[in-house]
Amino acid sequence: MQAVAGGSANVWDDGYPSGGNYWSSYNGTDVLRGTYQNETGSDGIGDMPYGQDRYPLMNPWTSPVSTPPSANVTLSGFPIEPIYLIIVAALTIIIAVGAVTFIVRRKKKPPEEAKSPQT
C-alpha cells in the first residue's frame, strides 16, 4: 500500500537519522549513510530520495521490543536478587518467632526454690 498525498500539507520524512517512510515500490540501495547519504556504511535508509521522501526506509518500521521494568532492589548501588530478599525475610521471621517463644517459656517456668546452704 502506498501513501497518497491529499489536499493538506504532508510531512514525508522526519529527517535524519529517524528517516521517512517505507515504500514497497522503492528499489533503491543502502550502501551510504549520513544526513546527505554520502558517508560509507549502511543505515537502513535508502541512498536516493523517493519522491518527496528524502529518507525512504529500506524495511518496514517495527516498534522496538520493550522489556517490562524489573523490580530490582539495590543496596548501596549493588543489585539484590529477589530470592535473597525472601531468604532474609524468612530468617527474620524465624528469629523473631524463636525469640518470642524463648521469652514466653521463660516466664512460664516456676521460680526455683531457694536452696538453703548446707552446713
PDB file of N, CA and C in Angstrom:
ATOM      1  N   MET A   1       0.846  -1.157   0.000  1.00  0.00           N
ATOM      2  CA  MET A   1       0.000   0.000   0.000  1.00  0.00           C
ATOM      3  C   MET A   1       0.901   1.233   0.000  1.00  0.00           C
ATOM      4  N   GLN A   2       0.556   2.204  -0.804  1.00  0.00           N
ATOM      5  CA  GLN A   2       1.344   3.415  -0.910  1.00  0.00           C
ATOM      6  C   GLN A   2       0.559   4.584  -0.331  1.00  0.00           C
ATOM      7  N   ALA A   3       1.299   5.548   0.231  1.00  0.00           N
ATOM      8  CA  ALA A   3       0.668   6.758   0.741  1.00  0.00           C
ATOM      9  C   ALA A   3       0.265   7.628  -0.440  1.00  0.00           C
ATOM     10  N   VAL A   4      -0.833   8.317  -0.288  1.00  0.00           N
ATOM     11  CA  VAL A   4      -1.298   9.204  -1.349  1.00  0.00           C
ATOM     12  C   VAL A   4      -1.413  10.599  -0.753  1.00  0.00           C
ATOM     13  N   ALA A   5      -0.841  11.581  -1.432  1.00  0.00           N
ATOM     14  CA  ALA A   5      -0.884  12.962  -0.949  1.00  0.00           C
ATOM     15  C   ALA A   5      -2.278  13.515  -1.158  1.00  0.00           C
ATOM     16  N   GLY A   6      -2.841  14.074  -0.108  1.00  0.00           N
ATOM     17  CA  GLY A   6      -4.145  14.688  -0.192  1.00  0.00           C
ATOM     18  C   GLY A   6      -4.006  16.188  -0.373  1.00  0.00           C
ATOM     19  N   GLY A   7      -5.043  16.918  -0.043  1.00  0.00           N
ATOM     20  CA  GLY A   7      -5.019  18.362  -0.221  1.00  0.00           C
ATOM     21  C   GLY A   7      -4.276  19.097   0.882  1.00  0.00           C
ATOM     22  N   SER A   8      -3.913  18.418   1.962  1.00  0.00           N
ATOM     23  CA  SER A   8      -3.237  19.100   3.063  1.00  0.00           C
ATOM     24  C   SER A   8      -1.729  18.936   2.944  1.00  0.00           C
ATOM     25  N   ALA A   9      -1.007  19.720   3.726  1.00  0.00           N
ATOM     26  CA  ALA A   9       0.453  19.622   3.726  1.00  0.00           C
ATOM     27  C   ALA A   9       0.862  18.287   4.333  1.00  0.00           C
ATOM     28  N   ASN A  10       1.770  17.601   3.691  1.00  0.00           N
ATOM     29  CA  ASN A  10       2.231  16.304   4.168  1.00  0.00           C
ATOM     30  C   ASN A  10       3.687  16.401   4.589  1.00  0.00           C
ATOM     31  N   VAL A  11       4.025  15.651   5.598  1.00  0.00           N
ATOM     32  CA  VAL A  11       5.414  15.536   6.013  1.00  0.00           C
ATOM     33  C   VAL A  11       5.851  14.152   5.584  1.00  0.00           C
ATOM     34  N   TRP A  12       6.839  14.096   4.713  1.00  0.00           N
ATOM     35  CA  TRP A  12       7.231  12.826   4.132  1.00  0.00           C
ATOM     36  C   TRP A  12       8.333  12.129   4.890  1.00  0.00           C
ATOM     37  N   ASP A  13       9.079  12.857   5.699  1.00  0.00           N
ATOM     38  CA  ASP A  13      10.124  12.220   6.485  1.00  0.00           C
ATOM     39  C   ASP A  13      10.382  13.051   7.728  1.00  0.00           C
ATOM     40  N   ASP A  14      11.048  12.424   8.687  1.00  0.00           N
ATOM     41  CA  ASP A  14      11.340  13.062   9.961  1.00  0.00           C
ATOM     42  C   ASP A  14      12.802  13.497  10.034  1.00  0.00           C
ATOM     43  N   GLY A  15      13.437  13.597   8.889  1.00  0.00           N
ATOM     44  CA  GLY A  15      14.834  13.983   8.871  1.00  0.00           C
ATOM     45  C   GLY A  15      15.743  12.814   9.203  1.00  0.00           C
ATOM     46  N   TYR A  16      17.007  13.120   9.267  1.00  0.00           N
ATOM     47  CA  TYR A  16      17.993  12.080   9.568  1.00  0.00           C
ATOM     48  C   TYR A  16      18.362  12.158  11.035  1.00  0.00           C
ATOM     49  N   PRO A  17      18.478  11.120  11.803  1.00  0.00           N
ATOM     50  CA  PRO A  17      18.516   9.720  11.382  1.00  0.00           C
ATOM     51  C   PRO A  17      17.186   8.986  11.503  1.00  0.00           C
ATOM     52  N   SER A  18      16.106   9.691  11.888  1.00  0.00           N
ATOM     53  CA  SER A  18      14.813   8.995  12.043  1.00  0.00           C
ATOM     54  C   SER A  18      14.344   8.367  10.750  1.00  0.00           C
ATOM     55  N   GLY A  19      14.532   9.075   9.652  1.00  0.00           N
ATOM     56  CA  GLY A  19      14.135   8.536   8.362  1.00  0.00           C
ATOM     57  C   GLY A  19      12.727   8.929   7.988  1.00  0.00           C
ATOM     58  N   GLY A  20      12.282   8.356   6.886  1.00  0.00           N
ATOM     59  CA  GLY A  20      10.972   8.686   6.356  1.00  0.00           C
ATOM     60  C   GLY A  20      10.024   7.527   6.457  1.00  0.00           C
ATOM     61  N   ASN A  21       9.535   7.109   5.316  1.00  0.00           N
ATOM     62  CA  ASN A  21       8.531   6.056   5.252  1.00  0.00           C
ATOM     63  C   ASN A  21       9.090   4.848   4.506  1.00  0.00           C
ATOM     64  N   TYR A  22       8.419   3.726   4.699  1.00  0.00           N
ATOM     65  CA  TYR A  22       8.754   2.538   3.919  1.00  0.00           C
ATOM     66  C   TYR A  22       7.845   2.532   2.695  1.00  0.00           C
ATOM     67  N   TRP A  23       8.445   2.333   1.546  1.00  0.00           N
ATOM     68  CA  TRP A  23       7.701   2.272   0.295  1.00  0.00           C
ATOM     69  C   TRP A  23       7.968   0.905  -0.336  1.00  0.00           C
ATOM     70  N   SER A  24       6.941   0.109  -0.483  1.00  0.00           N
ATOM     71  CA  SER A  24       7.141  -1.231  -1.045  1.00  0.00           C
ATOM     72  C   SER A  24       7.642  -1.169  -2.484  1.00  0.00           C
ATOM     73  N   SER A  25       7.405  -0.066  -3.175  1.00  0.00           N
ATOM     74  CA  SER A  25       7.841   0.051  -4.565  1.00  0.00           C
ATOM     75  C   SER A  25       9.214   0.715  -4.701  1.00  0.00           C
ATOM     76  N   TYR A  26       9.841   1.061  -3.577  1.00  0.00           N
ATOM     77  CA  TYR A  26      11.171   1.686  -3.629  1.00  0.00           C
ATOM     78  C   TYR A  26      12.204   0.600  -3.875  1.00  0.00           C
ATOM     79  N   ASN A  27      13.014   0.781  -4.910  1.00  0.00           N
ATOM     80  CA  ASN A  27      14.015  -0.214  -5.266  1.00  0.00           C
ATOM     81  C   ASN A  27      15.428   0.330  -5.129  1.00  0.00           C
ATOM     82  N   GLY A  28      15.610   1.275  -4.237  1.00  0.00           N
ATOM     83  CA  GLY A  28      16.921   1.887  -4.067  1.00  0.00           C
ATOM     84  C   GLY A  28      17.881   0.979  -3.315  1.00  0.00           C
ATOM     85  N   THR A  29      19.082   1.504  -3.100  1.00  0.00           N
ATOM     86  CA  THR A  29      20.118   0.763  -2.386  1.00  0.00           C
ATOM     87  C   THR A  29      20.432   1.467  -1.078  1.00  0.00           C
ATOM     88  N   ASP A  30      21.148   0.760  -0.211  1.00  0.00           N
ATOM     89  CA  ASP A  30      21.567   1.328   1.073  1.00  0.00           C
ATOM     90  C   ASP A  30      23.019   0.943   1.325  1.00  0.00           C
ATOM     91  N   VAL A  31      23.912   1.697   0.726  1.00  0.00           N
ATOM     92  CA  VAL A  31      25.337   1.471   0.970  1.00  0.00           C
ATOM     93  C   VAL A  31      25.978   2.706   1.595  1.00  0.00           C
ATOM     94  N   LEU A  32      25.194   3.792   1.704  1.00  0.00           N
ATOM     95  CA  LEU A  32      25.695   5.044   2.269  1.00  0.00           C
ATOM     96  C   LEU A  32      24.880   5.435   3.485  1.00  0.00           C
ATOM     97  N   ARG A  33      25.433   6.306   4.278  1.00  0.00           N
ATOM     98  CA  ARG A  33      24.735   6.801   5.472  1.00  0.00           C
ATOM     99  C   ARG A  33      25.040   8.287   5.645  1.00  0.00           C
ATOM    100  N   GLY A  34      24.412   8.878   6.674  1.00  0.00           N
ATOM    101  CA  GLY A  34      24.650  10.286   6.977  1.00  0.00           C
ATOM    102  C   GLY A  34      23.536  11.175   6.460  1.00  0.00           C
ATOM    103  N   THR A  35      23.511  12.408   6.932  1.00  0.00           N
ATOM    104  CA  THR A  35      22.466  13.358   6.560  1.00  0.00           C
ATOM    105  C   THR A  35      22.342  13.507   5.048  1.00  0.00           C
ATOM    106  N   TYR A  36      23.449  13.499   4.362  1.00  0.00           N
ATOM    107  CA  TYR A  36      23.430  13.655   2.902  1.00  0.00           C
ATOM    108  C   TYR A  36      23.634  12.313   2.193  1.00  0.00           C
ATOM    109  N   GLN A  37      23.590  11.234   2.953  1.00  0.00           N
ATOM    110  CA  GLN A  37      23.784   9.886   2.412  1.00  0.00           C
ATOM    111  C   GLN A  37      25.036   9.839   1.539  1.00  0.00           C
ATOM    112  N   ASN A  38      26.121  10.397   2.097  1.00  0.00           N
ATOM    113  CA  ASN A  38      27.369  10.446   1.347  1.00  0.00           C
ATOM    114  C   ASN A  38      28.549   9.859   2.125  1.00  0.00           C
ATOM    115  N   GLU A  39      28.258   9.172   3.225  1.00  0.00           N
ATOM    116  CA  GLU A  39      29.298   8.528   4.024  1.00  0.00           C
ATOM    117  C   GLU A  39      29.180   7.019   3.822  1.00  0.00           C
ATOM    118  N   THR A  40      30.307   6.341   3.816  1.00  0.00           N
ATOM    119  CA  THR A  40      30.300   4.893   3.607  1.00  0.00           C
ATOM    120  C   THR A  40      29.642   4.183   4.787  1.00  0.00           C
ATOM    121  N   GLY A  41      28.744   3.260   4.503  1.00  0.00           N
ATOM    122  CA  GLY A  41      28.098   2.455   5.535  1.00  0.00           C
ATOM    123  C   GLY A  41      26.587   2.484   5.417  1.00  0.00           C
ATOM    124  N   SER A  42      25.987   1.360   5.683  1.00  0.00           N
ATOM    125  CA  SER A  42      24.541   1.200   5.612  1.00  0.00           C
ATOM    126  C   SER A  42      23.880   1.738   6.879  1.00  0.00           C
ATOM    127  N   ASP A  43      22.684   2.319   6.739  1.00  0.00           N
ATOM    128  CA  ASP A  43      21.960   2.831   7.910  1.00  0.00           C
ATOM    129  C   ASP A  43      20.472   2.517   7.882  1.00  0.00           C
ATOM    130  N   GLY A  44      20.023   1.698   6.928  1.00  0.00           N
ATOM    131  CA  GLY A  44      18.609   1.341   6.855  1.00  0.00           C
ATOM    132  C   GLY A  44      17.770   2.351   6.104  1.00  0.00           C
ATOM    133  N   ILE A  45      18.411   3.412   5.587  1.00  0.00           N
ATOM    134  CA  ILE A  45      17.725   4.456   4.839  1.00  0.00           C
ATOM    135  C   ILE A  45      18.258   4.424   3.411  1.00  0.00           C
ATOM    136  N   GLY A  46      17.346   4.502   2.447  1.00  0.00           N
ATOM    137  CA  GLY A  46      17.747   4.482   1.052  1.00  0.00           C
ATOM    138  C   GLY A  46      18.679   5.636   0.717  1.00  0.00           C
ATOM    139  N   ASP A  47      19.607   5.375  -0.197  1.00  0.00           N
ATOM    140  CA  ASP A  47      20.601   6.386  -0.551  1.00  0.00           C
ATOM    141  C   ASP A  47      20.031   7.513  -1.410  1.00  0.00           C
ATOM    142  N   MET A  48      18.962   7.256  -2.139  1.00  0.00           N
ATOM    143  CA  MET A  48      18.334   8.256  -3.001  1.00  0.00           C
ATOM    144  C   MET A  48      16.922   8.537  -2.498  1.00  0.00           C
ATOM    145  N   PRO A  49      16.490   9.808  -2.563  1.00  0.00           N
ATOM    146  CA  PRO A  49      15.111  10.127  -2.162  1.00  0.00           C
ATOM    147  C   PRO A  49      14.104   9.365  -3.018  1.00  0.00           C
ATOM    148  N   TYR A  50      12.907   9.213  -2.465  1.00  0.00           N
ATOM    149  CA  TYR A  50      11.821   8.577  -3.205  1.00  0.00           C
ATOM    150  C   TYR A  50      10.678   9.578  -3.252  1.00  0.00           C
ATOM    151  N   GLY A  51      10.516  10.239  -4.386  1.00  0.00           N
ATOM    152  CA  GLY A  51       9.528  11.309  -4.492  1.00  0.00           C
ATOM    153  C   GLY A  51       9.910  12.422  -3.532  1.00  0.00           C
ATOM    154  N   GLN A  52       8.987  12.805  -2.654  1.00  0.00           N
ATOM    155  CA  GLN A  52       9.260  13.861  -1.688  1.00  0.00           C
ATOM    156  C   GLN A  52       9.876  13.334  -0.389  1.00  0.00           C
ATOM    157  N   ASP A  53       9.990  12.038  -0.255  1.00  0.00           N
ATOM    158  CA  ASP A  53      10.576  11.427   0.942  1.00  0.00           C
ATOM    159  C   ASP A  53      12.102  11.406   0.774  1.00  0.00           C
ATOM    160  N   ARG A  54      12.779  12.264   1.520  1.00  0.00           N
ATOM    161  CA  ARG A  54      14.232  12.367   1.399  1.00  0.00           C
ATOM    162  C   ARG A  54      14.961  11.179   2.013  1.00  0.00           C
ATOM    163  N   TYR A  55      14.312  10.456   2.946  1.00  0.00           N
ATOM    164  CA  TYR A  55      14.962   9.362   3.663  1.00  0.00           C
ATOM    165  C   TYR A  55      14.072   8.114   3.677  1.00  0.00           C
ATOM    166  N   PRO A  56      13.821   7.519   2.512  1.00  0.00           N
ATOM    167  CA  PRO A  56      12.954   6.328   2.488  1.00  0.00           C
ATOM    168  C   PRO A  56      13.595   5.160   3.241  1.00  0.00           C
ATOM    169  N   LEU A  57      12.768   4.471   4.006  1.00  0.00           N
ATOM    170  CA  LEU A  57      13.254   3.322   4.779  1.00  0.00           C
ATOM    171  C   LEU A  57      13.369   2.098   3.877  1.00  0.00           C
ATOM    172  N   MET A  58      14.392   1.315   4.115  1.00  0.00           N
ATOM    173  CA  MET A  58      14.615   0.110   3.318  1.00  0.00           C
ATOM    174  C   MET A  58      13.706  -1.038   3.757  1.00  0.00           C
ATOM    175  N   ASN A  59      13.273  -1.026   4.984  1.00  0.00           N
ATOM    176  CA  ASN A  59      12.404  -2.081   5.527  1.00  0.00           C
ATOM    177  C   ASN A  59      11.265  -1.434   6.304  1.00  0.00           C
ATOM    178  N   PRO A  60      10.131  -2.142   6.413  1.00  0.00           N
ATOM    179  CA  PRO A  60       9.026  -1.594   7.204  1.00  0.00           C
ATOM    180  C   PRO A  60       9.477  -1.323   8.636  1.00  0.00           C
ATOM    181  N   TRP A  61       8.953  -0.270   9.212  1.00  0.00           N
ATOM    182  CA  TRP A  61       9.290   0.094  10.582  1.00  0.00           C
ATOM    183  C   TRP A  61       8.555  -0.832  11.533  1.00  0.00           C
ATOM    184  N   THR A  62       9.252  -1.275  12.554  1.00  0.00           N
ATOM    185  CA  THR A  62       8.630  -2.079  13.602  1.00  0.00           C
ATOM    186  C   THR A  62       8.944  -1.433  14.937  1.00  0.00           C
ATOM    187  N   SER A  63       8.021  -1.548  15.824  1.00  0.00           N
ATOM    188  CA  SER A  63       8.204  -0.984  17.161  1.00  0.00           C
ATOM    189  C   SER A  63       9.292  -1.750  17.888  1.00  0.00           C
ATOM    190  N   PRO A  64      10.198  -1.040  18.564  1.00  0.00           N
ATOM    191  CA  PRO A  64      11.222  -1.761  19.319  1.00  0.00           C
ATOM    192  C   PRO A  64      10.595  -2.591  20.429  1.00  0.00           C
ATOM    193  N   VAL A  65      11.160  -3.747  20.662  1.00  0.00           N
ATOM    194  CA  VAL A  65      10.662  -4.624  21.719  1.00  0.00           C
ATOM    195  C   VAL A  65      11.047  -4.004  23.051  1.00  0.00           C
ATOM    196  N   SER A  66      10.064  -3.807  23.867  1.00  0.00           N
ATOM    197  CA  SER A  66      10.361  -3.241  25.181  1.00  0.00           C
ATOM    198  C   SER A  66      10.225  -4.321  26.237  1.00  0.00           C
ATOM    199  N   THR A  67      11.125  -4.306  27.164  1.00  0.00           N
ATOM    200  CA  THR A  67      11.071  -5.254  28.260  1.00  0.00           C
ATOM    201  C   THR A  67      10.421  -4.566  29.449  1.00  0.00           C
ATOM    202  N   PRO A  68       9.573  -5.281  30.147  1.00  0.00           N
ATOM    203  CA  PRO A  68       8.927  -4.663  31.299  1.00  0.00           C
ATOM    204  C   PRO A  68       9.969  -4.305  32.352  1.00  0.00           C
ATOM    205  N   PRO A  69       9.721  -3.231  33.073  1.00  0.00           N
ATOM    206  CA  PRO A  69      10.687  -2.866  34.112  1.00  0.00           C
ATOM    207  C   PRO A  69      10.773  -3.960  35.159  1.00  0.00           C
ATOM    208  N   SER A  70      11.962  -4.213  35.625  1.00  0.00           N
ATOM    209  CA  SER A  70      12.132  -5.248  36.633  1.00  0.00           C
ATOM    210  C   SER A  70      12.039  -4.628  38.017  1.00  0.00           C
ATOM    211  N   ALA A  71      11.702  -5.453  38.971  1.00  0.00           N
ATOM    212  CA  ALA A  71      11.585  -4.994  40.349  1.00  0.00           C
ATOM    213  C   ALA A  71      12.915  -5.194  41.051  1.00  0.00           C
ATOM    214  N   ASN A  72      13.950  -4.599  40.484  1.00  0.00           N
ATOM    215  CA  ASN A  72      15.262  -4.752  41.091  1.00  0.00           C
ATOM    216  C   ASN A  72      15.403  -3.845  42.299  1.00  0.00           C
ATOM    217  N   VAL A  73      15.960  -4.388  43.336  1.00  0.00           N
ATOM    218  CA  VAL A  73      16.235  -3.639  44.549  1.00  0.00           C
ATOM    219  C   VAL A  73      17.739  -3.516  44.648  1.00  0.00           C
ATOM    220  N   THR A  74      18.199  -2.350  45.043  1.00  0.00           N
ATOM    221  CA  THR A  74      19.643  -2.183  45.183  1.00  0.00           C
ATOM    222  C   THR A  74      19.975  -1.775  46.603  1.00  0.00           C
ATOM    223  N   LEU A  75      21.150  -2.149  47.011  1.00  0.00           N
ATOM    224  CA  LEU A  75      21.671  -1.772  48.316  1.00  0.00           C
ATOM    225  C   LEU A  75      23.040  -1.173  48.062  1.00  0.00           C
ATOM    226  N   SER A  76      23.166   0.107  48.329  1.00  0.00           N
ATOM    227  CA  SER A  76      24.408   0.833  48.058  1.00  0.00           C
ATOM    228  C   SER A  76      24.836   0.670  46.611  1.00  0.00           C
ATOM    229  N   GLY A  77      23.869   0.663  45.712  1.00  0.00           N
ATOM    230  CA  GLY A  77      24.164   0.572  44.293  1.00  0.00           C
ATOM    231  C   GLY A  77      24.368  -0.834  43.766  1.00  0.00           C
ATOM    232  N   PHE A  78      24.370  -1.840  44.633  1.00  0.00           N
ATOM    233  CA  PHE A  78      24.546  -3.219  44.190  1.00  0.00           C
ATOM    234  C   PHE A  78      23.183  -3.884  44.096  1.00  0.00           C
ATOM    235  N   PRO A  79      22.880  -4.544  42.986  1.00  0.00           N
ATOM    236  CA  PRO A  79      21.572  -5.191  42.848  1.00  0.00           C
ATOM    237  C   PRO A  79      21.414  -6.367  43.793  1.00  0.00           C
ATOM    238  N   ILE A  80      20.204  -6.525  44.295  1.00  0.00           N
ATOM    239  CA  ILE A  80      19.882  -7.647  45.179  1.00  0.00           C
ATOM    240  C   ILE A  80      18.816  -8.474  44.472  1.00  0.00           C
ATOM    241  N   GLU A  81      19.078  -9.744  44.301  1.00  0.00           N
ATOM    242  CA  GLU A  81      18.118 -10.632  43.659  1.00  0.00           C
ATOM    243  C   GLU A  81      16.922 -10.843  44.595  1.00  0.00           C
ATOM    244  N   PRO A  82      15.715 -10.962  44.054  1.00  0.00           N
ATOM    245  CA  PRO A  82      14.520 -11.163  44.879  1.00  0.00           C
ATOM    246  C   PRO A  82      14.605 -12.375  45.797  1.00  0.00           C
ATOM    247  N   ILE A  83      15.280 -13.443  45.384  1.00  0.00           N
ATOM    248  CA  ILE A  83      15.357 -14.638  46.234  1.00  0.00           C
ATOM    249  C   ILE A  83      16.078 -14.322  47.537  1.00  0.00           C
ATOM    250  N   TYR A  84      17.081 -13.442  47.477  1.00  0.00           N
ATOM    251  CA  TYR A  84      17.801 -13.082  48.693  1.00  0.00           C
ATOM    252  C   TYR A  84      16.908 -12.293  49.642  1.00  0.00           C
ATOM    253  N   LEU A  85      16.025 -11.473  49.094  1.00  0.00           N
ATOM    254  CA  LEU A  85      15.088 -10.737  49.947  1.00  0.00           C
ATOM    255  C   LEU A  85      14.138 -11.704  50.647  1.00  0.00           C
ATOM    256  N   ILE A  86      13.707 -12.739  49.934  1.00  0.00           N
ATOM    257  CA  ILE A  86      12.814 -13.742  50.528  1.00  0.00           C
ATOM    258  C   ILE A  86      13.541 -14.496  51.638  1.00  0.00           C
ATOM    259  N   ILE A  87      14.784 -14.858  51.402  1.00  0.00           N
ATOM    260  CA  ILE A  87      15.565 -15.577  52.409  1.00  0.00           C
ATOM    261  C   ILE A  87      15.753 -14.726  53.660  1.00  0.00           C
ATOM    262  N   VAL A  88      16.104 -13.458  53.472  1.00  0.00           N
ATOM    263  CA  VAL A  88      16.298 -12.562  54.619  1.00  0.00           C
ATOM    264  C   VAL A  88      14.995 -12.395  55.387  1.00  0.00           C
ATOM    265  N   ALA A  89      13.880 -12.238  54.686  1.00  0.00           N
ATOM    266  CA  ALA A  89      12.583 -12.097  55.354  1.00  0.00           C
ATOM    267  C   ALA A  89      12.242 -13.358  56.145  1.00  0.00           C
ATOM    268  N   ALA A  90      12.480 -14.533  55.561  1.00  0.00           N
ATOM    269  CA  ALA A  90      12.185 -15.794  56.251  1.00  0.00           C
ATOM    270  C   ALA A  90      13.051 -15.953  57.495  1.00  0.00           C
ATOM    271  N   LEU A  91      14.338 -15.649  57.392  1.00  0.00           N
ATOM    272  CA  LEU A  91      15.220 -15.751  58.554  1.00  0.00           C
ATOM    273  C   LEU A  91      14.818 -14.767  59.648  1.00  0.00           C
ATOM    274  N   THR A  92      14.407 -13.580  59.266  1.00  0.00           N
ATOM    275  CA  THR A  92      13.957 -12.588  60.245  1.00  0.00           C
ATOM    276  C   THR A  92      12.734 -13.104  61.001  1.00  0.00           C
ATOM    277  N   ILE A  93      11.805 -13.700  60.277  1.00  0.00           N
ATOM    278  CA  ILE A  93      10.595 -14.242  60.917  1.00  0.00           C
ATOM    279  C   ILE A  93      10.964 -15.395  61.846  1.00  0.00           C
ATOM    280  N   ILE A  94      11.838 -16.281  61.408  1.00  0.00           N
ATOM    281  CA  ILE A  94      12.243 -17.427  62.245  1.00  0.00           C
ATOM    282  C   ILE A  94      12.912 -16.955  63.530  1.00  0.00           C
ATOM    283  N   ILE A  95      13.792 -15.969  63.418  1.00  0.00           N
ATOM    284  CA  ILE A  95      14.472 -15.447  64.609  1.00  0.00           C
ATOM    285  C   ILE A  95      13.479 -14.770  65.544  1.00  0.00           C
ATOM    286  N   ALA A  96      12.532 -14.001  64.992  1.00  0.00           N
ATOM    287  CA  ALA A  96      11.536 -13.316  65.822  1.00  0.00           C
ATOM    288  C   ALA A  96      10.647 -14.320  66.552  1.00  0.00           C
ATOM    289  N   VAL A  97      10.194 -15.350  65.852  1.00  0.00           N
ATOM    290  CA  VAL A  97       9.344 -16.372  66.480  1.00  0.00           C
ATOM    291  C   VAL A  97      10.131 -17.101  67.565  1.00  0.00           C
ATOM    292  N   GLY A  98      11.397 -17.421  67.289  1.00  0.00           N
ATOM    293  CA  GLY A  98      12.228 -18.093  68.290  1.00  0.00           C
ATOM    294  C   GLY A  98      12.424 -17.232  69.530  1.00  0.00           C
ATOM    295  N   ALA A  99      12.644 -15.934  69.347  1.00  0.00           N
ATOM    296  CA  ALA A  99      12.835 -15.036  70.493  1.00  0.00           C
ATOM    297  C   ALA A  99      11.568 -14.941  71.326  1.00  0.00           C
ATOM    298  N   VAL A 100      10.430 -14.797  70.666  1.00  0.00           N
ATOM    299  CA  VAL A 100       9.156 -14.713  71.408  1.00  0.00           C
ATOM    300  C   VAL A 100       8.897 -16.017  72.150  1.00  0.00           C
ATOM    301  N   THR A 101       9.128 -17.153  71.524  1.00  0.00           N
ATOM    302  CA  THR A 101       8.926 -18.446  72.169  1.00  0.00           C
ATOM    303  C   THR A 101       9.824 -18.581  73.402  1.00  0.00           C
ATOM    304  N   PHE A 102      11.071 -18.180  73.281  1.00  0.00           N
ATOM    305  CA  PHE A 102      12.001 -18.244  74.409  1.00  0.00           C
ATOM    306  C   PHE A 102      11.515 -17.397  75.575  1.00  0.00           C
ATOM    307  N   ILE A 103      11.074 -16.189  75.274  1.00  0.00           N
ATOM    308  CA  ILE A 103      10.610 -15.288  76.342  1.00  0.00           C
ATOM    309  C   ILE A 103       9.364 -15.834  77.013  1.00  0.00           C
ATOM    310  N   VAL A 104       8.408 -16.350  76.231  1.00  0.00           N
ATOM    311  CA  VAL A 104       7.160 -16.869  76.800  1.00  0.00           C
ATOM    312  C   VAL A 104       7.439 -18.083  77.681  1.00  0.00           C
ATOM    313  N   ARG A 105       8.271 -18.985  77.235  1.00  0.00           N
ATOM    314  CA  ARG A 105       8.582 -20.177  78.038  1.00  0.00           C
ATOM    315  C   ARG A 105       9.335 -19.811  79.306  1.00  0.00           C
ATOM    316  N   ARG A 106      10.176 -18.835  79.223  1.00  0.00           N
ATOM    317  CA  ARG A 106      10.951 -18.429  80.397  1.00  0.00           C
ATOM    318  C   ARG A 106      10.038 -17.853  81.474  1.00  0.00           C
ATOM    319  N   LYS A 107       9.018 -17.111  81.042  1.00  0.00           N
ATOM    320  CA  LYS A 107       8.094 -16.515  82.007  1.00  0.00           C
ATOM    321  C   LYS A 107       7.205 -17.571  82.650  1.00  0.00           C
ATOM    322  N   LYS A 108       6.933 -18.680  81.957  1.00  0.00           N
ATOM    323  CA  LYS A 108       6.058 -19.710  82.493  1.00  0.00           C
ATOM    324  C   LYS A 108       6.766 -20.618  83.491  1.00  0.00           C
ATOM    325  N   LYS A 109       8.089 -20.653  83.500  1.00  0.00           N
ATOM    326  CA  LYS A 109       8.815 -21.527  84.424  1.00  0.00           C
ATOM    327  C   LYS A 109       8.619 -21.027  85.844  1.00  0.00           C
ATOM    328  N   PRO A 110       8.316 -21.980  86.748  1.00  0.00           N
ATOM    329  CA  PRO A 110       8.214 -21.536  88.145  1.00  0.00           C
ATOM    330  C   PRO A 110       9.617 -21.206  88.662  1.00  0.00           C
ATOM    331  N   PRO A 111       9.678 -20.216  89.541  1.00  0.00           N
ATOM    332  CA  PRO A 111      10.995 -19.874  90.079  1.00  0.00           C
ATOM    333  C   PRO A 111      11.536 -21.047  90.907  1.00  0.00           C
ATOM    334  N   GLU A 112      12.806 -21.241  90.811  1.00  0.00           N
ATOM    335  CA  GLU A 112      13.414 -22.334  91.574  1.00  0.00           C
ATOM    336  C   GLU A 112      13.352 -21.969  93.045  1.00  0.00           C
ATOM    337  N   GLU A 113      13.101 -23.023  93.852  1.00  0.00           N
ATOM    338  CA  GLU A 113      13.048 -22.774  95.285  1.00  0.00           C
ATOM    339  C   GLU A 113      14.436 -22.413  95.779  1.00  0.00           C
ATOM    340  N   ALA A 114      14.440 -21.524  96.692  1.00  0.00           N
ATOM    341  CA  ALA A 114      15.724 -21.102  97.226  1.00  0.00           C
ATOM    342  C   ALA A 114      16.353 -22.272  97.948  1.00  0.00           C
ATOM    343  N   LYS A 115      17.567 -22.547  97.606  1.00  0.00           N
ATOM    344  CA  LYS A 115      18.251 -23.648  98.248  1.00  0.00           C
ATOM    345  C   LYS A 115      18.920 -23.115  99.501  1.00  0.00           C
ATOM    346  N   SER A 116      18.724 -23.898 100.558  1.00  0.00           N
ATOM    347  CA  SER A 116      19.395 -23.462 101.786  1.00  0.00           C
ATOM    348  C   SER A 116      20.825 -23.987 101.774  1.00  0.00           C
ATOM    349  N   PRO A 117      21.696 -23.189 102.230  1.00  0.00           N
ATOM    350  CA  PRO A 117      23.084 -23.657 102.263  1.00  0.00           C
ATOM    351  C   PRO A 117      23.212 -24.842 103.204  1.00  0.00           C
ATOM    352  N   GLN A 118      23.918 -25.793 102.809  1.00  0.00           N
ATOM    353  CA  GLN A 118      24.109 -26.966 103.636  1.00  0.00           C
ATOM    354  C   GLN A 118      25.335 -26.759 104.513  1.00  0.00           C
ATOM    355  N   THR A 119      25.061 -26.969 105.696  1.00  0.00           N
ATOM    356  CA  THR A 119      26.150 -26.831 106.672  1.00  0.00           C
ATOM    357  C   THR A 119      26.480 -28.125 107.298  1.00  0.00           C
TER     358      THR A 119
END
